[in-house]
Amino acid sequence: MKRILIAFSGSLFLLLSMVACGGGNVTAKFPGTTEGAKALIEEFLKADTDRKKLTMELRPTKEDYKAFYAEESEAVRAEAFYDKLWSSGQAVIAPKEGQTEIKLFSATPKQLMDFDGEYAEFPTAMISLSEKLKPDLTIYAFKFVKPGETTGMAYEGLTHINGKWRLFPKPWRYLDSK
């Protein structure tokens, strides 16, 4: 019994240490639903949020790219392209002053291809890319806007993959790279 208690205590300490040191991914606590997406995005509106850290938790892994793009060659190419953005530290999701509301839209690649649902809220380039994406995804676009306005800081490519939220910012841009 004493050995079990010691083993459990050690495991608990290790787990708590990982979370305290950033080893846990905060974005994994939000469910892979529209409500989960909204709750995650609302974190960026909080004044005390470390937006850069929270944005970095949305960085896709190699496996996430493979789960997002239909072809492995596309996943490899996109990961190589976006690694520069993520490694630069320039990727930070943040509303501008006065943007206190969120507009959230979702679509599957099929809806984008079929011009169905909320497809019109996505950039045309995203619609063109949809055939290169895994068909079972739900992709979110969102904007931070001032009350009563419809335009603001826009982001797209938020997707729940492999049990965590990931951001594929402007996921078509890698197509223009060599």
Foldseek 3Di string as FASTA:
>chain_A
DVVVVVVVVVVVVVVVVCVVVVVDQPQLVFDQDPVSVVVLVLLQLDPPHPQLSNQLSQADDLVQLPQWFVDNVLSVLLCVVCVCVSVVSVDGDHFDPQQRDKDKAKDFLVCLCVVHGVNVVDDPLSSVCSVGTDRVWIKMKMARHHPPDDDGDIFIAFTQDPSGTHRCTVVRVSVPPD
